[in-house]
N, C-alpha and C. Protein backbone atom coordinates (compact mmCIF):
# COMPACT_ATOMS: atom_id res chain seq x y z
N MET A 1 -2.96 25.01 -26.64
CA MET A 1 -1.66 24.40 -26.82
C MET A 1 -1.75 23.40 -27.95
N THR A 2 -0.82 23.47 -28.88
CA THR A 2 -0.79 22.56 -30.01
C THR A 2 -0.08 21.27 -29.63
N VAL A 3 -0.73 20.16 -29.92
CA VAL A 3 -0.13 18.86 -29.65
C VAL A 3 0.70 18.46 -30.86
N PRO A 4 1.98 18.12 -30.68
CA PRO A 4 2.79 17.73 -31.83
C PRO A 4 2.24 16.45 -32.47
N ALA A 5 2.34 16.39 -33.79
CA ALA A 5 1.87 15.21 -34.52
C ALA A 5 2.77 14.02 -34.21
N ARG A 6 2.16 12.84 -34.17
CA ARG A 6 2.94 11.61 -34.01
C ARG A 6 3.77 11.43 -35.28
N PRO A 7 5.05 11.07 -35.15
CA PRO A 7 5.84 10.83 -36.36
C PRO A 7 5.20 9.75 -37.23
N SER A 8 5.29 9.90 -38.54
CA SER A 8 4.76 8.90 -39.46
C SER A 8 5.57 7.61 -39.39
N ALA A 9 6.86 7.75 -39.17
CA ALA A 9 7.72 6.57 -39.09
C ALA A 9 8.97 6.91 -38.28
N ILE A 10 9.49 5.90 -37.62
CA ILE A 10 10.73 6.02 -36.85
C ILE A 10 11.59 4.81 -37.20
N ALA A 11 12.88 5.04 -37.39
CA ALA A 11 13.82 3.94 -37.61
C ALA A 11 14.92 4.04 -36.58
N ASP A 12 15.17 2.94 -35.86
CA ASP A 12 16.21 2.89 -34.84
C ASP A 12 17.25 1.85 -35.20
N ASP A 13 18.51 2.26 -35.14
CA ASP A 13 19.66 1.38 -35.38
C ASP A 13 20.24 1.05 -34.00
N SER A 14 20.51 -0.23 -33.76
CA SER A 14 21.01 -0.65 -32.45
C SER A 14 22.42 -0.17 -32.16
N GLY A 15 23.14 0.23 -33.19
CA GLY A 15 24.51 0.67 -33.00
C GLY A 15 25.53 -0.45 -33.06
N HIS A 16 25.10 -1.66 -33.42
CA HIS A 16 26.01 -2.80 -33.47
C HIS A 16 26.67 -2.99 -34.82
N GLY A 17 26.40 -2.12 -35.77
CA GLY A 17 27.09 -2.16 -37.05
C GLY A 17 26.36 -2.86 -38.17
N GLY A 18 25.28 -3.58 -37.88
CA GLY A 18 24.51 -4.22 -38.95
C GLY A 18 23.56 -3.22 -39.57
N VAL A 19 22.88 -3.63 -40.62
CA VAL A 19 21.92 -2.73 -41.28
C VAL A 19 20.48 -3.09 -40.94
N GLN A 20 20.28 -3.99 -40.00
CA GLN A 20 18.93 -4.31 -39.54
C GLN A 20 18.47 -3.17 -38.64
N ILE A 21 17.28 -2.68 -38.90
CA ILE A 21 16.75 -1.56 -38.13
C ILE A 21 15.37 -1.92 -37.61
N LEU A 22 15.00 -1.29 -36.52
CA LEU A 22 13.66 -1.45 -35.97
C LEU A 22 12.84 -0.26 -36.43
N ILE A 23 11.77 -0.53 -37.17
CA ILE A 23 10.92 0.52 -37.74
C ILE A 23 9.61 0.56 -36.96
N THR A 24 9.18 1.76 -36.63
CA THR A 24 7.85 1.98 -36.09
C THR A 24 7.09 2.79 -37.12
N ALA A 25 5.99 2.24 -37.60
CA ALA A 25 5.13 2.94 -38.56
C ALA A 25 3.71 2.83 -38.05
N GLY A 26 3.14 3.96 -37.68
CA GLY A 26 1.82 3.92 -37.04
C GLY A 26 1.92 3.12 -35.76
N PRO A 27 1.01 2.18 -35.53
CA PRO A 27 1.03 1.40 -34.29
C PRO A 27 1.86 0.12 -34.38
N VAL A 28 2.58 -0.09 -35.48
CA VAL A 28 3.26 -1.36 -35.72
C VAL A 28 4.78 -1.18 -35.68
N ARG A 29 5.47 -2.21 -35.14
CA ARG A 29 6.94 -2.24 -35.15
C ARG A 29 7.40 -3.49 -35.90
N PHE A 30 8.40 -3.31 -36.74
CA PHE A 30 8.93 -4.44 -37.51
C PHE A 30 10.37 -4.14 -37.91
N THR A 31 11.03 -5.14 -38.46
CA THR A 31 12.43 -5.02 -38.84
C THR A 31 12.56 -4.64 -40.31
N GLY A 32 13.47 -3.74 -40.59
CA GLY A 32 13.86 -3.41 -41.95
C GLY A 32 15.28 -3.90 -42.16
N ASP A 33 15.63 -4.22 -43.39
CA ASP A 33 16.96 -4.77 -43.66
C ASP A 33 17.30 -4.57 -45.13
N LEU A 34 18.44 -5.06 -45.50
CA LEU A 34 18.89 -5.10 -46.89
C LEU A 34 19.13 -6.55 -47.27
N THR A 35 19.25 -6.82 -48.55
CA THR A 35 19.57 -8.17 -49.01
C THR A 35 21.02 -8.51 -48.67
N PRO A 36 21.38 -9.80 -48.65
CA PRO A 36 22.77 -10.16 -48.41
C PRO A 36 23.73 -9.52 -49.43
N ALA A 37 23.31 -9.39 -50.67
CA ALA A 37 24.15 -8.76 -51.68
C ALA A 37 24.45 -7.30 -51.35
N ASP A 38 23.54 -6.68 -50.58
CA ASP A 38 23.72 -5.28 -50.19
C ASP A 38 24.26 -5.13 -48.77
N GLY A 39 24.66 -6.26 -48.14
CA GLY A 39 25.25 -6.19 -46.81
C GLY A 39 24.33 -6.50 -45.66
N GLY A 40 23.10 -6.95 -45.95
CA GLY A 40 22.14 -7.26 -44.91
C GLY A 40 21.92 -8.74 -44.74
N LEU A 41 20.89 -9.07 -43.98
CA LEU A 41 20.52 -10.47 -43.73
C LEU A 41 19.16 -10.82 -44.36
N ASP A 42 18.50 -9.85 -44.98
CA ASP A 42 17.21 -10.04 -45.64
C ASP A 42 16.12 -10.50 -44.67
N VAL A 43 16.09 -9.89 -43.46
CA VAL A 43 15.08 -10.27 -42.47
C VAL A 43 13.91 -9.29 -42.42
N GLY A 44 13.88 -8.36 -43.35
CA GLY A 44 12.78 -7.40 -43.42
C GLY A 44 12.83 -6.64 -44.72
N PRO A 45 11.82 -5.83 -44.98
CA PRO A 45 11.79 -5.08 -46.22
C PRO A 45 12.90 -4.03 -46.26
N ASN A 46 13.38 -3.77 -47.48
CA ASN A 46 14.36 -2.69 -47.64
C ASN A 46 13.60 -1.38 -47.85
N PRO A 47 14.27 -0.24 -47.79
CA PRO A 47 13.57 1.04 -47.92
C PRO A 47 12.74 1.18 -49.20
N HIS A 48 13.22 0.67 -50.32
CA HIS A 48 12.43 0.76 -51.56
C HIS A 48 11.18 -0.12 -51.49
N ASP A 49 11.29 -1.28 -50.83
CA ASP A 49 10.12 -2.13 -50.62
C ASP A 49 9.07 -1.39 -49.79
N LEU A 50 9.52 -0.62 -48.82
CA LEU A 50 8.58 0.11 -47.96
C LEU A 50 7.84 1.20 -48.75
N VAL A 51 8.55 1.88 -49.64
CA VAL A 51 7.89 2.88 -50.48
C VAL A 51 6.90 2.19 -51.41
N ALA A 52 7.31 1.06 -52.01
CA ALA A 52 6.41 0.30 -52.88
C ALA A 52 5.18 -0.17 -52.11
N ALA A 53 5.37 -0.59 -50.86
CA ALA A 53 4.25 -1.03 -50.03
C ALA A 53 3.29 0.12 -49.76
N GLY A 54 3.83 1.31 -49.53
CA GLY A 54 2.98 2.47 -49.33
C GLY A 54 2.14 2.79 -50.56
N LEU A 55 2.74 2.66 -51.73
CA LEU A 55 2.01 2.89 -52.97
C LEU A 55 0.93 1.83 -53.17
N ALA A 56 1.26 0.58 -52.92
CA ALA A 56 0.28 -0.51 -53.07
C ALA A 56 -0.88 -0.34 -52.09
N ALA A 57 -0.56 -0.03 -50.84
CA ALA A 57 -1.60 0.13 -49.82
C ALA A 57 -2.50 1.32 -50.13
N CYS A 58 -1.91 2.44 -50.48
CA CYS A 58 -2.69 3.64 -50.78
C CYS A 58 -3.58 3.43 -52.00
N THR A 59 -3.06 2.78 -53.02
CA THR A 59 -3.85 2.50 -54.22
C THR A 59 -5.05 1.64 -53.87
N THR A 60 -4.82 0.58 -53.11
CA THR A 60 -5.89 -0.33 -52.73
C THR A 60 -6.97 0.40 -51.92
N GLN A 61 -6.55 1.18 -50.94
CA GLN A 61 -7.51 1.92 -50.11
C GLN A 61 -8.27 2.97 -50.92
N THR A 62 -7.59 3.65 -51.83
CA THR A 62 -8.25 4.66 -52.67
C THR A 62 -9.33 4.01 -53.53
N LEU A 63 -9.01 2.86 -54.12
CA LEU A 63 -9.99 2.16 -54.96
C LEU A 63 -11.18 1.67 -54.13
N ARG A 64 -10.90 1.13 -52.96
CA ARG A 64 -11.97 0.63 -52.09
C ARG A 64 -12.91 1.76 -51.66
N LEU A 65 -12.34 2.88 -51.24
CA LEU A 65 -13.16 4.00 -50.79
C LEU A 65 -14.01 4.57 -51.92
N TYR A 66 -13.43 4.67 -53.11
CA TYR A 66 -14.18 5.20 -54.25
C TYR A 66 -15.33 4.27 -54.61
N ALA A 67 -15.04 2.98 -54.72
CA ALA A 67 -16.07 2.00 -55.07
C ALA A 67 -17.18 1.97 -54.01
N LYS A 68 -16.80 2.10 -52.75
CA LYS A 68 -17.80 2.10 -51.68
C LYS A 68 -18.71 3.32 -51.80
N ARG A 69 -18.11 4.50 -52.07
CA ARG A 69 -18.90 5.72 -52.21
C ARG A 69 -19.87 5.63 -53.39
N LYS A 70 -19.45 4.93 -54.45
CA LYS A 70 -20.29 4.76 -55.64
C LYS A 70 -21.24 3.56 -55.51
N ALA A 71 -21.09 2.77 -54.45
CA ALA A 71 -21.88 1.55 -54.23
C ALA A 71 -21.68 0.55 -55.37
N TRP A 72 -20.43 0.46 -55.83
CA TRP A 72 -20.09 -0.51 -56.87
C TRP A 72 -19.73 -1.84 -56.24
N ALA A 73 -19.95 -2.92 -56.95
CA ALA A 73 -19.72 -4.28 -56.45
C ALA A 73 -18.26 -4.69 -56.63
N LEU A 74 -17.36 -3.90 -56.06
CA LEU A 74 -15.94 -4.22 -56.14
C LEU A 74 -15.63 -5.35 -55.15
N GLY A 75 -15.08 -6.43 -55.66
CA GLY A 75 -14.66 -7.54 -54.81
C GLY A 75 -13.25 -7.30 -54.32
N ALA A 76 -12.46 -8.35 -54.29
CA ALA A 76 -11.07 -8.25 -53.83
C ALA A 76 -10.26 -7.39 -54.79
N VAL A 77 -9.34 -6.63 -54.22
CA VAL A 77 -8.42 -5.79 -54.99
C VAL A 77 -7.01 -6.28 -54.68
N HIS A 78 -6.22 -6.47 -55.74
CA HIS A 78 -4.83 -6.90 -55.57
C HIS A 78 -3.95 -5.90 -56.31
N VAL A 79 -3.03 -5.26 -55.59
CA VAL A 79 -2.12 -4.30 -56.20
C VAL A 79 -0.69 -4.78 -55.95
N GLN A 80 0.02 -4.99 -57.03
CA GLN A 80 1.41 -5.44 -56.95
C GLN A 80 2.29 -4.31 -57.46
N VAL A 81 3.28 -3.91 -56.67
CA VAL A 81 4.19 -2.85 -57.05
C VAL A 81 5.62 -3.38 -57.05
N THR A 82 6.33 -3.13 -58.13
CA THR A 82 7.73 -3.52 -58.25
C THR A 82 8.56 -2.27 -58.50
N TRP A 83 9.65 -2.13 -57.77
CA TRP A 83 10.57 -1.00 -57.96
C TRP A 83 11.80 -1.46 -58.70
N ARG A 84 12.27 -0.61 -59.59
CA ARG A 84 13.55 -0.88 -60.26
C ARG A 84 14.21 0.46 -60.57
N ARG A 85 15.50 0.40 -60.76
CA ARG A 85 16.27 1.59 -61.15
C ARG A 85 16.72 1.41 -62.58
N GLU A 86 16.49 2.42 -63.40
CA GLU A 86 16.87 2.42 -64.81
C GLU A 86 17.91 3.52 -65.03
N PRO A 87 19.21 3.15 -64.95
CA PRO A 87 20.25 4.17 -65.16
C PRO A 87 20.07 4.84 -66.52
N GLY A 88 20.25 6.12 -66.55
CA GLY A 88 20.10 6.86 -67.80
C GLY A 88 18.70 7.41 -68.01
N TRP A 89 17.73 6.91 -67.27
CA TRP A 89 16.36 7.44 -67.37
C TRP A 89 16.23 8.62 -66.40
N LEU A 90 15.29 9.50 -66.68
CA LEU A 90 15.02 10.60 -65.77
C LEU A 90 13.52 10.66 -65.52
N PRO A 91 13.01 10.32 -64.38
CA PRO A 91 13.76 9.83 -63.22
C PRO A 91 14.20 8.38 -63.40
N ALA A 92 15.23 8.00 -62.67
CA ALA A 92 15.79 6.65 -62.78
C ALA A 92 14.99 5.61 -61.99
N ASP A 93 14.24 6.05 -60.99
CA ASP A 93 13.44 5.12 -60.17
C ASP A 93 12.08 4.91 -60.83
N VAL A 94 11.74 3.64 -61.04
CA VAL A 94 10.48 3.28 -61.70
C VAL A 94 9.71 2.33 -60.79
N PHE A 95 8.46 2.69 -60.51
CA PHE A 95 7.55 1.83 -59.77
C PHE A 95 6.52 1.31 -60.76
N GLU A 96 6.51 0.00 -60.96
CA GLU A 96 5.52 -0.62 -61.85
C GLU A 96 4.38 -1.14 -60.98
N ARG A 97 3.17 -0.72 -61.31
CA ARG A 97 1.99 -1.09 -60.51
C ARG A 97 1.05 -1.90 -61.39
N VAL A 98 0.68 -3.10 -60.91
CA VAL A 98 -0.26 -3.97 -61.62
C VAL A 98 -1.47 -4.14 -60.70
N ILE A 99 -2.64 -3.78 -61.22
CA ILE A 99 -3.86 -3.77 -60.42
C ILE A 99 -4.82 -4.83 -60.94
N THR A 100 -5.30 -5.70 -60.03
CA THR A 100 -6.30 -6.70 -60.36
C THR A 100 -7.58 -6.34 -59.60
N LEU A 101 -8.65 -6.16 -60.36
CA LEU A 101 -9.95 -5.81 -59.77
C LEU A 101 -10.90 -6.99 -59.93
N ASN A 102 -11.45 -7.45 -58.85
CA ASN A 102 -12.45 -8.52 -58.87
C ASN A 102 -13.81 -7.93 -58.52
N GLY A 103 -14.84 -8.62 -58.90
CA GLY A 103 -16.18 -8.18 -58.57
C GLY A 103 -17.02 -8.02 -59.83
N ASP A 104 -18.29 -7.77 -59.61
CA ASP A 104 -19.26 -7.62 -60.70
C ASP A 104 -19.25 -6.18 -61.19
N LEU A 105 -18.24 -5.85 -61.98
CA LEU A 105 -18.05 -4.49 -62.50
C LEU A 105 -18.15 -4.51 -64.02
N ASP A 106 -18.76 -3.47 -64.58
CA ASP A 106 -18.77 -3.38 -66.04
C ASP A 106 -17.47 -2.71 -66.51
N GLU A 107 -17.28 -2.67 -67.81
CA GLU A 107 -16.02 -2.15 -68.36
C GLU A 107 -15.83 -0.67 -68.02
N ALA A 108 -16.89 0.11 -68.01
CA ALA A 108 -16.78 1.53 -67.67
C ALA A 108 -16.34 1.71 -66.22
N GLN A 109 -16.86 0.88 -65.32
CA GLN A 109 -16.46 0.97 -63.91
C GLN A 109 -15.00 0.58 -63.75
N ARG A 110 -14.58 -0.47 -64.44
CA ARG A 110 -13.17 -0.90 -64.37
C ARG A 110 -12.24 0.21 -64.90
N THR A 111 -12.64 0.82 -66.00
CA THR A 111 -11.84 1.91 -66.57
C THR A 111 -11.76 3.07 -65.60
N ARG A 112 -12.87 3.42 -64.98
CA ARG A 112 -12.89 4.53 -64.02
C ARG A 112 -12.02 4.22 -62.81
N LEU A 113 -12.07 3.00 -62.31
CA LEU A 113 -11.23 2.63 -61.17
C LEU A 113 -9.74 2.73 -61.52
N MET A 114 -9.38 2.37 -62.73
CA MET A 114 -7.98 2.51 -63.13
C MET A 114 -7.58 3.99 -63.19
N GLU A 115 -8.51 4.84 -63.59
CA GLU A 115 -8.24 6.29 -63.57
C GLU A 115 -8.11 6.78 -62.13
N ILE A 116 -8.96 6.28 -61.25
CA ILE A 116 -8.93 6.68 -59.84
C ILE A 116 -7.62 6.26 -59.18
N ALA A 117 -7.04 5.14 -59.60
CA ALA A 117 -5.76 4.70 -59.05
C ALA A 117 -4.70 5.79 -59.22
N GLU A 118 -4.79 6.56 -60.30
CA GLU A 118 -3.84 7.65 -60.54
C GLU A 118 -4.02 8.78 -59.53
N ALA A 119 -5.16 8.83 -58.84
CA ALA A 119 -5.43 9.86 -57.84
C ALA A 119 -5.02 9.46 -56.43
N CYS A 120 -4.48 8.27 -56.28
CA CYS A 120 -4.00 7.83 -54.97
C CYS A 120 -2.99 8.87 -54.46
N PRO A 121 -3.14 9.34 -53.21
CA PRO A 121 -2.23 10.38 -52.70
C PRO A 121 -0.74 10.01 -52.75
N VAL A 122 -0.39 8.76 -52.49
CA VAL A 122 1.03 8.38 -52.55
C VAL A 122 1.51 8.39 -53.99
N HIS A 123 0.69 7.94 -54.93
CA HIS A 123 1.05 8.01 -56.35
C HIS A 123 1.30 9.45 -56.75
N LYS A 124 0.39 10.35 -56.37
CA LYS A 124 0.54 11.76 -56.72
C LYS A 124 1.81 12.34 -56.09
N MET A 125 2.13 11.95 -54.86
CA MET A 125 3.33 12.43 -54.19
C MET A 125 4.59 11.96 -54.91
N LEU A 126 4.62 10.68 -55.30
CA LEU A 126 5.79 10.15 -55.99
C LEU A 126 5.99 10.80 -57.34
N VAL A 127 4.91 11.01 -58.07
CA VAL A 127 5.00 11.60 -59.40
C VAL A 127 5.42 13.08 -59.32
N ALA A 128 4.88 13.80 -58.32
CA ALA A 128 5.18 15.23 -58.18
C ALA A 128 6.55 15.49 -57.57
N GLY A 129 7.02 14.55 -56.76
CA GLY A 129 8.25 14.77 -56.01
C GLY A 129 7.90 15.39 -54.67
N SER A 130 8.79 15.32 -53.74
CA SER A 130 8.54 15.84 -52.40
C SER A 130 9.74 16.62 -51.91
N LYS A 131 9.50 17.49 -50.96
CA LYS A 131 10.58 18.21 -50.30
C LYS A 131 10.86 17.49 -48.99
N VAL A 132 12.11 17.27 -48.68
CA VAL A 132 12.50 16.66 -47.41
C VAL A 132 13.28 17.71 -46.62
N GLU A 133 12.78 18.03 -45.46
CA GLU A 133 13.46 18.97 -44.56
C GLU A 133 14.15 18.17 -43.46
N THR A 134 15.43 18.39 -43.26
CA THR A 134 16.21 17.63 -42.29
C THR A 134 16.81 18.59 -41.27
N ARG A 135 16.74 18.20 -40.00
CA ARG A 135 17.36 18.96 -38.94
C ARG A 135 17.91 18.03 -37.88
N ALA A 136 18.87 18.47 -37.15
CA ALA A 136 19.45 17.69 -36.06
C ALA A 136 18.50 17.74 -34.87
N ALA A 137 18.44 16.63 -34.11
CA ALA A 137 17.59 16.58 -32.90
C ALA A 137 18.26 17.35 -31.78
């Protein structure tokens, strides 16, 4: 018997008309929202922030795992992702990623880690595009 996979994420709306939602992602529950300018209360990340967070987290983990496998002296990793929309561009959604690598690394190792960041699975998914299949429950 095949066991169904746990959903990657769940979003529940209370039905009270606000845009605050309860999100379950993995073992964690938290609130998602929109900014006041967009009709929310700004009590949680908006959907684009969540995608940016996924890219930042995946990039950081990809770099850590690669450096560990190579036994490189990678210290703290800081990945900052900013999303913006550029009307008239194709695609219009732009994620800017700034990576700070700490540790006793030579220039070749730093260059290789920046190349490895491009292999992050979420980065590859965003660049390639994804298919979304929707059905009624």
